[in-house]
Amino acid sequence: MNSNMKMEVKIKALPADGNLLAIAGIKFNDCLVVDGFHIVNGTNGLFVGMPSTVNANGNYRDVVFPVTAEFREELTTAVLEGYYAAVQRAVRVLEGN
């Protein structure tokens, strides 16, 4: 599936502290921004957690989520590409390039 949806990803880097590597926001088609996507280093590699909230029982519940597996893959790819690009920019800055 290629939804042809424009997704502009902004990464907010976090200090390496546990498995949470960064938080991202996505602007969809220059119309809607959703913040709170989590880039997590899990047991099977990096994955993208959806924005969530904590309910009265202390359990997390996603408040935004893809409806189809195809769009989840497209969304995950966009967020991880944005994360890798942010990491590369940070490395260049640290190297003085």
C-alpha atoms as a PDB file:
ATOM      1  CA  MET A   1       0.000   0.000   0.000  1.00  0.00           C
ATOM      2  CA  ASN A   2       1.261   3.425  -0.874  1.00  0.00           C
ATOM      3  CA  SER A   3      -1.184   5.919   0.536  1.00  0.00           C
ATOM      4  CA  ASN A   4       0.660   8.868  -1.055  1.00  0.00           C
ATOM      5  CA  MET A   5       0.152  10.606   2.262  1.00  0.00           C
ATOM      6  CA  LYS A   6       2.821  13.185   2.992  1.00  0.00           C
ATOM      7  CA  MET A   7       4.339  12.536   6.417  1.00  0.00           C
ATOM      8  CA  GLU A   8       6.821  15.031   7.819  1.00  0.00           C
ATOM      9  CA  VAL A   9       8.551  13.506  10.849  1.00  0.00           C
ATOM     10  CA  LYS A  10      10.167  15.605  13.585  1.00  0.00           C
ATOM     11  CA  ILE A  11      12.362  13.811  16.107  1.00  0.00           C
ATOM     12  CA  LYS A  12      12.877  14.946  19.678  1.00  0.00           C
ATOM     13  CA  ALA A  13      16.014  13.141  20.782  1.00  0.00           C
ATOM     14  CA  LEU A  14      16.213  11.882  24.319  1.00  0.00           C
ATOM     15  CA  PRO A  15      19.262  10.976  26.343  1.00  0.00           C
ATOM     16  CA  ALA A  16      20.122   7.301  26.065  1.00  0.00           C
ATOM     17  CA  ASP A  17      18.267   6.219  29.164  1.00  0.00           C
ATOM     18  CA  GLY A  18      16.649   2.826  29.002  1.00  0.00           C
ATOM     19  CA  ASN A  19      14.906   1.532  25.903  1.00  0.00           C
ATOM     20  CA  LEU A  20      13.168   4.778  24.910  1.00  0.00           C
ATOM     21  CA  LEU A  21      15.412   6.409  22.305  1.00  0.00           C
ATOM     22  CA  ALA A  22      13.306   9.322  21.074  1.00  0.00           C
ATOM     23  CA  ILE A  23       9.847  10.779  20.679  1.00  0.00           C
ATOM     24  CA  ALA A  24       8.526  11.856  17.293  1.00  0.00           C
ATOM     25  CA  GLY A  25       5.752  13.996  15.931  1.00  0.00           C
ATOM     26  CA  ILE A  26       4.283  13.618  12.462  1.00  0.00           C
ATOM     27  CA  LYS A  27       2.629  16.254  10.285  1.00  0.00           C
ATOM     28  CA  PHE A  28       0.173  14.571   7.910  1.00  0.00           C
ATOM     29  CA  ASN A  29      -0.459  16.271   4.539  1.00  0.00           C
ATOM     30  CA  ASP A  30       0.310  19.690   6.081  1.00  0.00           C
ATOM     31  CA  CYS A  31      -3.077  19.391   7.842  1.00  0.00           C
ATOM     32  CA  LEU A  32      -2.706  17.494  11.116  1.00  0.00           C
ATOM     33  CA  VAL A  33       0.110  17.007  13.619  1.00  0.00           C
ATOM     34  CA  VAL A  34       0.223  14.065  15.990  1.00  0.00           C
ATOM     35  CA  ASP A  35       2.891  14.040  18.712  1.00  0.00           C
ATOM     36  CA  GLY A  36       3.933  11.259  21.020  1.00  0.00           C
ATOM     37  CA  PHE A  37       5.220   8.451  18.789  1.00  0.00           C
ATOM     38  CA  HIS A  38       7.925   6.530  20.704  1.00  0.00           C
ATOM     39  CA  ILE A  39      11.040   5.051  19.124  1.00  0.00           C
ATOM     40  CA  VAL A  40      11.922   2.121  21.356  1.00  0.00           C
ATOM     41  CA  ASN A  41      14.846  -0.292  21.326  1.00  0.00           C
ATOM     42  CA  GLY A  42      13.008  -3.554  21.924  1.00  0.00           C
ATOM     43  CA  THR A  43      14.199  -7.133  22.179  1.00  0.00           C
ATOM     44  CA  ASN A  44      13.690  -7.577  18.409  1.00  0.00           C
ATOM     45  CA  GLY A  45      15.176  -4.224  17.377  1.00  0.00           C
ATOM     46  CA  LEU A  46      13.673  -0.785  16.993  1.00  0.00           C
ATOM     47  CA  PHE A  47       9.932  -0.315  16.915  1.00  0.00           C
ATOM     48  CA  VAL A  48       7.515   2.589  16.920  1.00  0.00           C
ATOM     49  CA  GLY A  49       5.065   2.852  19.787  1.00  0.00           C
ATOM     50  CA  MET A  50       1.868   4.779  19.223  1.00  0.00           C
ATOM     51  CA  PRO A  51       0.876   7.849  21.244  1.00  0.00           C
ATOM     52  CA  SER A  52      -0.840   6.661  24.399  1.00  0.00           C
ATOM     53  CA  THR A  53      -2.413   7.738  27.644  1.00  0.00           C
ATOM     54  CA  VAL A  54      -2.682   6.143  31.065  1.00  0.00           C
ATOM     55  CA  ASN A  55      -6.170   5.150  32.215  1.00  0.00           C
ATOM     56  CA  ALA A  56      -7.479   5.146  35.797  1.00  0.00           C
ATOM     57  CA  ASN A  57      -6.130   1.617  36.362  1.00  0.00           C
ATOM     58  CA  GLY A  58      -2.593   2.682  35.422  1.00  0.00           C
ATOM     59  CA  ASN A  59      -2.680   0.832  32.096  1.00  0.00           C
ATOM     60  CA  TYR A  60      -1.533   2.434  28.860  1.00  0.00           C
ATOM     61  CA  ARG A  61      -3.985   2.762  25.987  1.00  0.00           C
ATOM     62  CA  ASP A  62      -3.072   3.877  22.456  1.00  0.00           C
ATOM     63  CA  VAL A  63      -4.937   7.045  21.502  1.00  0.00           C
ATOM     64  CA  VAL A  64      -3.743   7.012  17.876  1.00  0.00           C
ATOM     65  CA  PHE A  65      -3.208   3.879  15.832  1.00  0.00           C
ATOM     66  CA  PRO A  66      -3.153   2.730  12.213  1.00  0.00           C
ATOM     67  CA  VAL A  67      -6.226   0.867  11.022  1.00  0.00           C
ATOM     68  CA  THR A  68      -4.403  -1.392   8.569  1.00  0.00           C
ATOM     69  CA  ALA A  69      -1.165  -3.345   8.760  1.00  0.00           C
ATOM     70  CA  GLU A  70      -0.075  -1.696   5.517  1.00  0.00           C
ATOM     71  CA  PHE A  71      -0.427   1.804   6.914  1.00  0.00           C
ATOM     72  CA  ARG A  72       1.267   0.755  10.168  1.00  0.00           C
ATOM     73  CA  GLU A  73       4.247  -0.346   8.081  1.00  0.00           C
ATOM     74  CA  GLU A  74       4.257   2.927   6.132  1.00  0.00           C
ATOM     75  CA  LEU A  75       4.030   4.952   9.344  1.00  0.00           C
ATOM     76  CA  THR A  76       6.773   2.917  11.047  1.00  0.00           C
ATOM     77  CA  THR A  77       9.046   3.305   8.029  1.00  0.00           C
ATOM     78  CA  ALA A  78       8.550   7.085   7.969  1.00  0.00           C
ATOM     79  CA  VAL A  79       9.257   7.462  11.701  1.00  0.00           C
ATOM     80  CA  LEU A  80      12.337   5.231  11.664  1.00  0.00           C
ATOM     81  CA  GLU A  81      13.721   6.979   8.561  1.00  0.00           C
ATOM     82  CA  GLY A  82      13.251  10.288  10.387  1.00  0.00           C
ATOM     83  CA  TYR A  83      15.019   8.863  13.436  1.00  0.00           C
ATOM     84  CA  TYR A  84      17.965   7.525  11.423  1.00  0.00           C
ATOM     85  CA  ALA A  85      18.295  10.892   9.636  1.00  0.00           C
ATOM     86  CA  ALA A  86      18.325  12.714  12.994  1.00  0.00           C
ATOM     87  CA  VAL A  87      21.002  10.347  14.304  1.00  0.00           C
ATOM     88  CA  GLN A  88      23.123  10.928  11.183  1.00  0.00           C
ATOM     89  CA  ARG A  89      22.795  14.715  11.580  1.00  0.00           C
ATOM     90  CA  ALA A  90      23.863  14.446  15.233  1.00  0.00           C
ATOM     91  CA  VAL A  91      26.892  12.342  14.318  1.00  0.00           C
ATOM     92  CA  ARG A  92      27.928  14.893  11.657  1.00  0.00           C
ATOM     93  CA  VAL A  93      27.649  17.689  14.215  1.00  0.00           C
ATOM     94  CA  LEU A  94      29.731  15.751  16.739  1.00  0.00           C
ATOM     95  CA  GLU A  95      32.351  15.045  14.075  1.00  0.00           C
ATOM     96  CA  GLY A  96      32.402  18.711  13.112  1.00  0.00           C
ATOM     97  CA  ASN A  97      31.128  18.185   9.557  1.00  0.00           C
END
